[in-house]
């Protein structure tokens, strides 16, 4: 235990291709994990990423996706579960470089103890990338008073014919609901 991992994955999704990638990080609770996942998506192609973060004392993952040709799409899904004094950091970047691209991001976290989680999600819609659809959601559930979640969604839009939304919620369990759940 107590080691450090640096993991880099690069994916090229060719025209018309479909790629689904699953990444589970469940390292020793005393370790440090730094990861990067970069994908480039071709014409009428689809990239799906599922990220599950369960381990490491301190973990960061950066996921970057370029929608590089018309009809390209991506779905980025993430789940992080942290407790004790652990720290989990997820950063996403979706680059809508061309028209007719679609992206969806949904990251969810469950935090206990005095753990911390960070979600930074950036969407860039470049000039001329019309007919872009981009959606982003981050939700964190705090199971203890000492847990802290931080979310910063960012939209940079330089085209006018787009549909883009983002949202983040951070909340605790309702004490009444916990009472009935235990009953």
N, C-alpha and C. Protein backbone atom coordinates (compact mmCIF):
# COMPACT_ATOMS: atom_id res chain seq x y z
N UNK A 1 0.82 -1.20 0.00
CA UNK A 1 0.00 0.00 0.00
C UNK A 1 0.85 1.24 0.00
N UNK A 2 0.21 2.37 -0.17
CA UNK A 2 0.88 3.65 -0.11
C UNK A 2 1.60 4.06 -1.38
N UNK A 3 1.39 3.34 -2.48
CA UNK A 3 2.08 3.65 -3.73
C UNK A 3 1.39 4.75 -4.51
N UNK A 4 1.94 5.01 -5.69
CA UNK A 4 1.38 6.02 -6.58
C UNK A 4 1.19 5.39 -7.96
N UNK A 5 0.04 5.68 -8.56
CA UNK A 5 -0.25 5.21 -9.91
C UNK A 5 -0.51 6.42 -10.81
N UNK A 6 0.11 6.41 -11.98
CA UNK A 6 -0.17 7.39 -13.03
C UNK A 6 -0.65 6.59 -14.23
N UNK A 7 -1.92 6.74 -14.58
CA UNK A 7 -2.51 5.93 -15.65
C UNK A 7 -3.03 6.83 -16.76
N UNK A 8 -2.61 6.57 -18.00
CA UNK A 8 -3.05 7.36 -19.15
C UNK A 8 -3.67 6.43 -20.19
N UNK A 9 -4.85 6.79 -20.66
CA UNK A 9 -5.53 6.02 -21.71
C UNK A 9 -5.90 6.98 -22.83
N UNK A 10 -5.56 6.60 -24.07
CA UNK A 10 -5.94 7.39 -25.24
C UNK A 10 -6.76 6.52 -26.17
N UNK A 11 -7.90 7.06 -26.61
CA UNK A 11 -8.82 6.30 -27.45
C UNK A 11 -9.15 7.11 -28.69
N UNK A 12 -9.04 6.48 -29.84
CA UNK A 12 -9.42 7.09 -31.11
C UNK A 12 -10.63 6.32 -31.62
N UNK A 13 -11.78 6.99 -31.72
CA UNK A 13 -13.01 6.34 -32.19
C UNK A 13 -13.17 6.69 -33.66
N UNK A 14 -12.97 5.72 -34.53
CA UNK A 14 -13.02 5.96 -35.97
C UNK A 14 -14.43 6.27 -36.45
N UNK A 15 -14.52 6.76 -37.67
CA UNK A 15 -15.80 7.12 -38.27
C UNK A 15 -16.77 5.94 -38.21
N UNK A 16 -17.97 6.20 -37.71
CA UNK A 16 -19.01 5.18 -37.64
C UNK A 16 -18.83 4.14 -36.54
N UNK A 17 -17.78 4.27 -35.75
CA UNK A 17 -17.49 3.25 -34.73
C UNK A 17 -18.21 3.55 -33.42
N UNK A 18 -18.31 2.54 -32.57
CA UNK A 18 -18.89 2.66 -31.24
C UNK A 18 -17.88 2.09 -30.24
N UNK A 19 -17.51 2.87 -29.24
CA UNK A 19 -16.58 2.39 -28.22
C UNK A 19 -17.19 2.66 -26.86
N UNK A 20 -17.21 1.61 -26.01
CA UNK A 20 -17.67 1.76 -24.64
C UNK A 20 -16.49 1.38 -23.74
N UNK A 21 -16.10 2.29 -22.86
CA UNK A 21 -14.92 2.10 -22.02
C UNK A 21 -15.35 2.14 -20.55
N UNK A 22 -14.92 1.15 -19.78
CA UNK A 22 -15.23 1.10 -18.35
C UNK A 22 -13.92 1.19 -17.58
N UNK A 23 -13.87 2.09 -16.61
CA UNK A 23 -12.66 2.29 -15.80
C UNK A 23 -13.05 2.23 -14.34
N UNK A 24 -12.52 1.24 -13.61
CA UNK A 24 -12.80 1.09 -12.18
C UNK A 24 -11.50 1.28 -11.42
N UNK A 25 -11.49 2.25 -10.53
CA UNK A 25 -10.31 2.52 -9.71
C UNK A 25 -10.64 2.12 -8.28
N UNK A 26 -10.02 1.04 -7.81
CA UNK A 26 -10.29 0.52 -6.46
C UNK A 26 -8.96 0.21 -5.77
N UNK A 27 -8.08 1.20 -5.78
CA UNK A 27 -6.74 0.98 -5.24
C UNK A 27 -6.71 1.02 -3.71
N UNK A 28 -5.58 0.63 -3.18
CA UNK A 28 -5.34 0.63 -1.73
C UNK A 28 -5.70 2.00 -1.15
N UNK A 29 -6.39 2.03 0.02
CA UNK A 29 -6.86 3.31 0.58
C UNK A 29 -5.74 4.25 1.02
N UNK A 30 -4.48 3.81 0.99
CA UNK A 30 -3.39 4.71 1.35
C UNK A 30 -2.63 5.21 0.12
N UNK A 31 -3.05 4.83 -1.06
CA UNK A 31 -2.32 5.17 -2.28
C UNK A 31 -2.78 6.49 -2.89
N UNK A 32 -2.02 6.94 -3.89
CA UNK A 32 -2.34 8.13 -4.68
C UNK A 32 -2.55 7.66 -6.12
N UNK A 33 -3.62 8.14 -6.75
CA UNK A 33 -3.93 7.75 -8.13
C UNK A 33 -4.17 9.00 -8.97
N UNK A 34 -3.42 9.12 -10.06
CA UNK A 34 -3.62 10.22 -11.00
C UNK A 34 -3.86 9.59 -12.36
N UNK A 35 -4.98 9.93 -12.99
CA UNK A 35 -5.32 9.31 -14.26
C UNK A 35 -5.77 10.32 -15.29
N UNK A 36 -5.57 9.95 -16.56
CA UNK A 36 -6.05 10.77 -17.68
C UNK A 36 -6.65 9.83 -18.71
N UNK A 37 -7.78 10.24 -19.24
CA UNK A 37 -8.46 9.50 -20.31
C UNK A 37 -8.79 10.51 -21.39
N UNK A 38 -8.24 10.31 -22.58
CA UNK A 38 -8.50 11.23 -23.70
C UNK A 38 -9.08 10.45 -24.86
N UNK A 39 -10.17 10.98 -25.43
CA UNK A 39 -10.82 10.33 -26.57
C UNK A 39 -11.07 11.35 -27.67
N UNK A 40 -10.91 10.89 -28.89
CA UNK A 40 -11.22 11.70 -30.07
C UNK A 40 -12.26 10.90 -30.85
N UNK A 41 -13.40 11.56 -31.17
CA UNK A 41 -14.54 10.85 -31.74
C UNK A 41 -14.76 11.31 -33.18
N UNK A 42 -14.83 10.34 -34.10
CA UNK A 42 -14.97 10.63 -35.53
C UNK A 42 -16.41 10.82 -35.98
N UNK A 43 -16.57 10.91 -37.29
CA UNK A 43 -17.88 11.18 -37.91
C UNK A 43 -18.88 10.06 -37.59
N UNK A 44 -20.08 10.47 -37.14
CA UNK A 44 -21.16 9.53 -36.82
C UNK A 44 -20.69 8.40 -35.89
N UNK A 45 -19.79 8.73 -34.98
CA UNK A 45 -19.24 7.76 -34.04
C UNK A 45 -19.72 8.09 -32.63
N UNK A 46 -19.61 7.10 -31.73
CA UNK A 46 -20.10 7.28 -30.35
C UNK A 46 -19.07 6.74 -29.37
N UNK A 47 -18.78 7.53 -28.35
CA UNK A 47 -17.89 7.13 -27.27
C UNK A 47 -18.64 7.18 -25.96
N UNK A 48 -18.60 6.06 -25.21
CA UNK A 48 -19.26 5.98 -23.91
C UNK A 48 -18.19 5.66 -22.87
N UNK A 49 -18.14 6.45 -21.81
CA UNK A 49 -17.18 6.25 -20.73
C UNK A 49 -17.93 6.04 -19.42
N UNK A 50 -17.58 4.97 -18.71
CA UNK A 50 -18.12 4.72 -17.37
C UNK A 50 -16.93 4.72 -16.41
N UNK A 51 -16.94 5.63 -15.46
CA UNK A 51 -15.85 5.75 -14.49
C UNK A 51 -16.40 5.46 -13.10
N UNK A 52 -15.74 4.55 -12.38
CA UNK A 52 -16.12 4.26 -11.00
C UNK A 52 -14.87 4.44 -10.14
N UNK A 53 -14.95 5.34 -9.16
CA UNK A 53 -13.83 5.61 -8.28
C UNK A 53 -14.20 5.17 -6.86
N UNK A 54 -13.48 4.15 -6.37
CA UNK A 54 -13.78 3.58 -5.06
C UNK A 54 -12.58 3.63 -4.12
N UNK A 55 -11.38 3.74 -4.65
CA UNK A 55 -10.19 3.60 -3.82
C UNK A 55 -9.29 4.82 -3.81
N UNK A 56 -8.11 4.63 -3.21
CA UNK A 56 -7.02 5.61 -3.08
C UNK A 56 -7.33 6.66 -2.01
N UNK A 57 -6.27 7.10 -1.37
CA UNK A 57 -6.39 8.18 -0.37
C UNK A 57 -6.64 9.50 -1.08
N UNK A 58 -5.95 9.69 -2.22
CA UNK A 58 -6.10 10.91 -3.02
C UNK A 58 -6.15 10.47 -4.47
N UNK A 59 -7.24 10.82 -5.16
CA UNK A 59 -7.41 10.38 -6.55
C UNK A 59 -7.86 11.54 -7.42
N UNK A 60 -7.26 11.63 -8.61
CA UNK A 60 -7.71 12.60 -9.61
C UNK A 60 -7.78 11.91 -10.96
N UNK A 61 -8.87 12.19 -11.68
CA UNK A 61 -9.01 11.69 -13.05
C UNK A 61 -9.46 12.84 -13.94
N UNK A 62 -8.76 13.02 -15.05
CA UNK A 62 -9.14 14.01 -16.05
C UNK A 62 -9.60 13.27 -17.29
N UNK A 63 -10.82 13.57 -17.73
CA UNK A 63 -11.39 12.94 -18.92
C UNK A 63 -11.60 14.03 -19.97
N UNK A 64 -10.91 13.89 -21.10
CA UNK A 64 -11.05 14.87 -22.18
C UNK A 64 -11.58 14.19 -23.43
N UNK A 65 -12.58 14.79 -24.05
CA UNK A 65 -13.18 14.23 -25.26
C UNK A 65 -13.31 15.31 -26.31
N UNK A 66 -12.84 15.02 -27.52
CA UNK A 66 -13.00 15.93 -28.65
C UNK A 66 -14.01 15.32 -29.61
N UNK A 67 -15.11 16.02 -29.83
CA UNK A 67 -16.06 15.61 -30.86
C UNK A 67 -15.57 16.28 -32.15
N UNK A 68 -14.85 15.48 -32.96
CA UNK A 68 -14.01 16.03 -34.02
C UNK A 68 -14.65 16.04 -35.40
N UNK A 69 -15.83 15.42 -35.55
CA UNK A 69 -16.47 15.36 -36.87
C UNK A 69 -17.99 15.38 -36.68
N UNK A 70 -18.72 15.84 -37.70
CA UNK A 70 -20.18 15.91 -37.57
C UNK A 70 -20.79 14.55 -37.23
N UNK A 71 -21.82 14.60 -36.37
CA UNK A 71 -22.51 13.38 -35.97
C UNK A 71 -21.82 12.64 -34.83
N UNK A 72 -20.73 13.18 -34.31
CA UNK A 72 -20.04 12.51 -33.20
C UNK A 72 -20.79 12.76 -31.91
N UNK A 73 -20.71 11.78 -31.00
CA UNK A 73 -21.38 11.93 -29.72
C UNK A 73 -20.62 11.21 -28.63
N UNK A 74 -20.82 11.68 -27.38
CA UNK A 74 -20.20 11.02 -26.25
C UNK A 74 -21.12 11.06 -25.05
N UNK A 75 -20.97 10.03 -24.21
CA UNK A 75 -21.62 10.00 -22.90
C UNK A 75 -20.54 9.72 -21.88
N UNK A 76 -20.41 10.61 -20.89
CA UNK A 76 -19.44 10.44 -19.82
C UNK A 76 -20.20 10.25 -18.52
N UNK A 77 -20.08 9.07 -17.94
CA UNK A 77 -20.77 8.78 -16.69
C UNK A 77 -19.77 8.45 -15.61
N UNK A 78 -20.00 8.96 -14.41
CA UNK A 78 -19.06 8.70 -13.33
C UNK A 78 -19.76 8.50 -12.00
N UNK A 79 -19.17 7.63 -11.17
CA UNK A 79 -19.63 7.42 -9.80
C UNK A 79 -18.40 7.41 -8.91
N UNK A 80 -18.43 8.22 -7.84
CA UNK A 80 -17.35 8.20 -6.87
C UNK A 80 -17.92 8.03 -5.48
N UNK A 81 -17.26 7.14 -4.70
CA UNK A 81 -17.67 6.86 -3.34
C UNK A 81 -16.43 7.06 -2.47
N UNK A 82 -16.50 8.05 -1.57
CA UNK A 82 -15.34 8.36 -0.72
C UNK A 82 -15.77 8.47 0.73
N UNK A 83 -14.87 8.05 1.62
CA UNK A 83 -15.17 8.11 3.05
C UNK A 83 -13.88 8.42 3.79
N UNK A 84 -13.96 8.41 5.12
CA UNK A 84 -12.78 8.71 5.92
C UNK A 84 -12.27 10.11 5.61
N UNK A 85 -10.96 10.21 5.35
CA UNK A 85 -10.35 11.51 5.01
C UNK A 85 -9.94 11.55 3.55
N UNK A 86 -10.51 10.67 2.73
CA UNK A 86 -10.10 10.55 1.33
C UNK A 86 -10.55 11.75 0.49
N UNK A 87 -9.85 11.93 -0.64
CA UNK A 87 -10.14 13.03 -1.57
C UNK A 87 -10.29 12.45 -2.97
N UNK A 88 -11.35 12.85 -3.65
CA UNK A 88 -11.61 12.40 -5.02
C UNK A 88 -11.84 13.62 -5.90
N UNK A 89 -11.18 13.65 -7.05
CA UNK A 89 -11.21 14.82 -7.93
C UNK A 89 -11.47 14.34 -9.36
N UNK A 90 -12.57 14.79 -9.96
CA UNK A 90 -12.89 14.45 -11.35
C UNK A 90 -13.00 15.73 -12.16
N UNK A 91 -12.31 15.75 -13.30
CA UNK A 91 -12.34 16.91 -14.19
C UNK A 91 -12.65 16.41 -15.59
N UNK A 92 -13.69 16.99 -16.18
CA UNK A 92 -14.05 16.59 -17.54
C UNK A 92 -13.95 17.79 -18.47
N UNK A 93 -13.64 17.51 -19.72
CA UNK A 93 -13.59 18.55 -20.75
C UNK A 93 -14.13 17.94 -22.04
N UNK A 94 -15.22 18.52 -22.56
CA UNK A 94 -15.76 18.08 -23.84
C UNK A 94 -15.61 19.24 -24.82
N UNK A 95 -14.91 18.98 -25.91
CA UNK A 95 -14.63 19.97 -26.94
C UNK A 95 -15.53 19.69 -28.13
N UNK A 96 -16.57 20.52 -28.29
CA UNK A 96 -17.43 20.44 -29.48
C UNK A 96 -16.75 21.26 -30.57
N UNK A 97 -15.93 20.57 -31.37
CA UNK A 97 -15.09 21.27 -32.34
C UNK A 97 -15.80 21.54 -33.66
N UNK A 98 -16.90 20.81 -33.93
CA UNK A 98 -17.58 20.88 -35.22
C UNK A 98 -19.10 20.87 -35.00
N UNK A 99 -19.89 21.19 -36.03
CA UNK A 99 -21.36 21.14 -35.89
C UNK A 99 -21.88 19.72 -35.69
N UNK A 100 -23.14 19.65 -35.23
CA UNK A 100 -23.89 18.39 -35.11
C UNK A 100 -23.22 17.39 -34.18
N UNK A 101 -22.79 17.86 -33.01
CA UNK A 101 -22.23 16.96 -31.99
C UNK A 101 -23.14 16.93 -30.77
N UNK A 102 -23.12 15.81 -30.06
CA UNK A 102 -23.95 15.65 -28.87
C UNK A 102 -23.11 15.09 -27.73
N UNK A 103 -23.21 15.73 -26.56
CA UNK A 103 -22.52 15.19 -25.39
C UNK A 103 -23.45 15.19 -24.19
N UNK A 104 -23.28 14.16 -23.37
CA UNK A 104 -24.03 14.05 -22.11
C UNK A 104 -23.05 13.61 -21.03
N UNK A 105 -23.10 14.30 -19.89
CA UNK A 105 -22.25 13.95 -18.76
C UNK A 105 -23.12 13.82 -17.52
N UNK A 106 -22.94 12.73 -16.79
CA UNK A 106 -23.62 12.54 -15.52
C UNK A 106 -22.63 11.95 -14.54
N UNK A 107 -22.26 12.73 -13.55
CA UNK A 107 -21.35 12.27 -12.49
C UNK A 107 -22.08 12.36 -11.16
N UNK A 108 -21.96 11.28 -10.35
CA UNK A 108 -22.63 11.24 -9.05
C UNK A 108 -21.65 10.79 -7.99
N UNK A 109 -21.79 11.39 -6.80
CA UNK A 109 -20.89 11.04 -5.71
C UNK A 109 -21.61 10.77 -4.41
N UNK A 110 -21.01 9.89 -3.60
CA UNK A 110 -21.49 9.61 -2.25
C UNK A 110 -20.30 9.81 -1.32
N UNK A 111 -20.47 10.70 -0.32
CA UNK A 111 -19.36 11.07 0.55
C UNK A 111 -19.70 10.86 2.01
N UNK A 112 -18.76 10.29 2.76
CA UNK A 112 -18.91 10.12 4.19
C UNK A 112 -17.67 10.60 4.92
N UNK A 113 -17.68 10.48 6.24
CA UNK A 113 -16.54 10.91 7.05
C UNK A 113 -16.24 12.39 6.88
N UNK A 114 -14.96 12.70 6.74
CA UNK A 114 -14.55 14.08 6.44
C UNK A 114 -13.95 14.13 5.04
N UNK A 115 -14.47 13.28 4.16
CA UNK A 115 -13.95 13.19 2.80
C UNK A 115 -14.30 14.44 1.99
N UNK A 116 -13.57 14.59 0.88
CA UNK A 116 -13.80 15.72 -0.02
C UNK A 116 -13.89 15.19 -1.45
N UNK A 117 -14.75 15.84 -2.24
CA UNK A 117 -14.84 15.50 -3.66
C UNK A 117 -14.95 16.79 -4.46
N UNK A 118 -14.32 16.78 -5.62
CA UNK A 118 -14.34 17.92 -6.52
C UNK A 118 -14.80 17.43 -7.89
N UNK A 119 -15.72 18.17 -8.51
CA UNK A 119 -16.09 17.92 -9.90
C UNK A 119 -15.97 19.23 -10.66
N UNK A 120 -15.10 19.24 -11.67
CA UNK A 120 -14.96 20.39 -12.56
C UNK A 120 -15.29 19.91 -13.96
N UNK A 121 -16.38 20.42 -14.51
CA UNK A 121 -16.81 19.96 -15.84
C UNK A 121 -16.84 21.13 -16.80
N UNK A 122 -16.08 21.04 -17.88
CA UNK A 122 -16.00 22.13 -18.84
C UNK A 122 -16.49 21.65 -20.20
N UNK A 123 -17.36 22.45 -20.80
CA UNK A 123 -17.85 22.19 -22.15
C UNK A 123 -17.48 23.39 -23.01
N UNK A 124 -16.82 23.14 -24.13
CA UNK A 124 -16.46 24.20 -25.07
C UNK A 124 -17.20 23.95 -26.38
N UNK A 125 -17.96 24.94 -26.83
CA UNK A 125 -18.62 24.88 -28.14
C UNK A 125 -17.91 25.92 -29.01
N UNK A 126 -17.13 25.44 -29.95
CA UNK A 126 -16.29 26.33 -30.76
C UNK A 126 -17.12 27.12 -31.77
N UNK A 127 -16.57 28.23 -32.25
CA UNK A 127 -17.27 29.00 -33.29
C UNK A 127 -17.59 28.09 -34.48
N UNK A 128 -18.81 28.18 -34.98
CA UNK A 128 -19.22 27.36 -36.12
C UNK A 128 -19.76 26.00 -35.74
N UNK A 129 -19.67 25.61 -34.47
CA UNK A 129 -20.17 24.29 -34.05
C UNK A 129 -21.67 24.36 -33.78
N UNK A 130 -22.43 24.71 -34.83
CA UNK A 130 -23.88 24.85 -34.70
C UNK A 130 -24.53 23.48 -34.52
N UNK A 131 -25.78 23.50 -34.06
CA UNK A 131 -26.57 22.28 -33.83
C UNK A 131 -25.90 21.37 -32.80
N UNK A 132 -25.19 21.97 -31.87
CA UNK A 132 -24.58 21.23 -30.78
C UNK A 132 -25.61 21.01 -29.68
N UNK A 133 -25.58 19.81 -29.08
CA UNK A 133 -26.36 19.54 -27.88
C UNK A 133 -25.40 19.06 -26.81
N UNK A 134 -25.40 19.75 -25.66
CA UNK A 134 -24.49 19.39 -24.58
C UNK A 134 -25.22 19.47 -23.25
N UNK A 135 -25.17 18.40 -22.49
CA UNK A 135 -25.85 18.33 -21.20
C UNK A 135 -24.86 17.84 -20.15
N UNK A 136 -24.93 18.45 -18.98
CA UNK A 136 -24.02 18.05 -17.90
C UNK A 136 -24.75 18.09 -16.57
N UNK A 137 -24.54 17.05 -15.74
CA UNK A 137 -25.16 16.98 -14.43
C UNK A 137 -24.17 16.41 -13.44
N UNK A 138 -24.10 17.01 -12.26
CA UNK A 138 -23.27 16.49 -11.17
C UNK A 138 -24.11 16.54 -9.91
N UNK A 139 -24.21 15.39 -9.23
CA UNK A 139 -24.99 15.30 -7.99
C UNK A 139 -24.15 14.61 -6.94
N UNK A 140 -24.12 15.20 -5.75
CA UNK A 140 -23.36 14.61 -4.65
C UNK A 140 -24.26 14.48 -3.43
N UNK A 141 -24.13 13.34 -2.75
CA UNK A 141 -24.89 13.07 -1.54
C UNK A 141 -23.91 13.00 -0.38
N UNK A 142 -24.11 13.87 0.62
CA UNK A 142 -23.24 13.91 1.79
C UNK A 142 -23.88 13.08 2.90
N UNK A 143 -23.17 12.05 3.36
CA UNK A 143 -23.70 11.17 4.39
C UNK A 143 -23.29 11.61 5.79
N UNK A 144 -22.40 12.59 5.89
CA UNK A 144 -21.96 13.07 7.19
C UNK A 144 -21.77 14.58 7.15
N UNK A 145 -21.77 15.20 8.32
CA UNK A 145 -21.62 16.65 8.38
C UNK A 145 -20.22 17.10 8.00
N UNK A 146 -19.23 16.21 8.15
CA UNK A 146 -17.85 16.59 7.84
C UNK A 146 -17.46 16.46 6.38
N UNK A 147 -18.29 15.82 5.57
CA UNK A 147 -17.97 15.62 4.15
C UNK A 147 -18.23 16.91 3.37
N UNK A 148 -17.40 17.14 2.34
CA UNK A 148 -17.51 18.36 1.54
C UNK A 148 -17.44 18.01 0.06
N UNK A 149 -18.36 18.58 -0.71
CA UNK A 149 -18.34 18.40 -2.17
C UNK A 149 -18.30 19.77 -2.82
N UNK A 150 -17.54 19.86 -3.89
CA UNK A 150 -17.38 21.10 -4.64
C UNK A 150 -17.65 20.81 -6.10
N UNK A 151 -18.51 21.61 -6.74
CA UNK A 151 -18.82 21.41 -8.16
C UNK A 151 -18.68 22.73 -8.90
N UNK A 152 -18.04 22.68 -10.07
CA UNK A 152 -17.94 23.87 -10.89
C UNK A 152 -18.16 23.50 -12.36
N UNK A 153 -19.41 23.58 -12.80
CA UNK A 153 -19.67 23.35 -14.23
C UNK A 153 -19.32 24.62 -15.01
N UNK A 154 -18.74 24.44 -16.20
CA UNK A 154 -18.37 25.59 -17.04
C UNK A 154 -18.87 25.36 -18.46
N UNK A 155 -19.56 26.35 -18.99
CA UNK A 155 -19.98 26.32 -20.38
C UNK A 155 -19.31 27.49 -21.10
N UNK A 156 -18.61 27.20 -22.19
CA UNK A 156 -18.06 28.25 -23.06
C UNK A 156 -18.69 28.03 -24.43
N UNK A 157 -19.56 28.95 -24.82
CA UNK A 157 -20.32 28.75 -26.05
C UNK A 157 -20.03 29.89 -27.02
N UNK A 158 -19.52 29.53 -28.21
CA UNK A 158 -19.20 30.51 -29.23
C UNK A 158 -19.99 30.27 -30.51
N UNK A 159 -21.15 29.61 -30.38
CA UNK A 159 -22.06 29.39 -31.50
C UNK A 159 -23.46 29.70 -30.99
N UNK A 160 -24.38 30.06 -31.90
CA UNK A 160 -25.69 30.53 -31.41
C UNK A 160 -26.82 29.52 -31.58
N UNK A 161 -26.66 28.47 -32.37
CA UNK A 161 -27.73 27.50 -32.58
C UNK A 161 -27.38 26.22 -31.82
N UNK A 162 -27.52 26.29 -30.48
CA UNK A 162 -27.11 25.18 -29.62
C UNK A 162 -28.15 24.94 -28.53
N UNK A 163 -28.10 23.74 -27.95
CA UNK A 163 -28.89 23.41 -26.76
C UNK A 163 -27.90 22.93 -25.71
N UNK A 164 -27.67 23.73 -24.69
CA UNK A 164 -26.69 23.37 -23.66
C UNK A 164 -27.27 23.63 -22.28
N UNK A 165 -27.13 22.65 -21.40
CA UNK A 165 -27.57 22.82 -20.01
C UNK A 165 -26.55 22.18 -19.08
N UNK A 166 -26.49 22.72 -17.87
CA UNK A 166 -25.66 22.08 -16.86
C UNK A 166 -26.28 22.35 -15.50
N UNK A 167 -25.99 21.48 -14.56
CA UNK A 167 -26.51 21.66 -13.22
C UNK A 167 -25.74 20.82 -12.23
N UNK A 168 -25.75 21.29 -10.98
CA UNK A 168 -25.07 20.56 -9.92
C UNK A 168 -25.91 20.67 -8.65
N UNK A 169 -26.01 19.57 -7.93
CA UNK A 169 -26.70 19.59 -6.64
C UNK A 169 -25.83 18.87 -5.61
N UNK A 170 -25.81 19.41 -4.41
CA UNK A 170 -25.10 18.81 -3.29
C UNK A 170 -26.07 18.81 -2.12
N UNK A 171 -26.33 17.66 -1.54
CA UNK A 171 -27.31 17.62 -0.46
C UNK A 171 -27.05 16.51 0.53
N UNK A 172 -27.74 16.59 1.65
CA UNK A 172 -27.64 15.58 2.69
C UNK A 172 -28.94 14.78 2.75
N UNK A 173 -28.87 13.63 3.37
CA UNK A 173 -30.06 12.83 3.58
C UNK A 173 -30.98 13.54 4.57
N UNK A 174 -32.25 13.48 4.31
CA UNK A 174 -33.25 14.04 5.22
C UNK A 174 -33.34 13.13 6.46
N UNK A 175 -33.21 13.68 7.68
CA UNK A 175 -33.25 12.85 8.90
C UNK A 175 -34.53 12.02 9.01
N UNK A 176 -35.66 12.56 8.58
CA UNK A 176 -36.92 11.78 8.61
C UNK A 176 -36.84 10.58 7.68
N UNK A 177 -36.24 10.78 6.49
CA UNK A 177 -36.12 9.66 5.55
C UNK A 177 -35.21 8.58 6.13
N UNK A 178 -34.14 8.99 6.81
CA UNK A 178 -33.24 8.01 7.42
C UNK A 178 -33.97 7.23 8.50
N UNK A 179 -34.77 7.92 9.29
CA UNK A 179 -35.55 7.26 10.35
C UNK A 179 -36.46 6.17 9.75
N UNK A 180 -37.21 6.53 8.69
CA UNK A 180 -38.12 5.56 8.09
C UNK A 180 -37.38 4.44 7.39
N UNK A 181 -36.21 4.75 6.83
CA UNK A 181 -35.39 3.73 6.17
C UNK A 181 -34.92 2.68 7.18
N UNK A 182 -34.58 3.14 8.39
CA UNK A 182 -34.10 2.22 9.43
C UNK A 182 -35.23 1.48 10.12
N UNK A 183 -36.45 1.99 10.05
CA UNK A 183 -37.59 1.40 10.77
C UNK A 183 -38.02 0.08 10.15
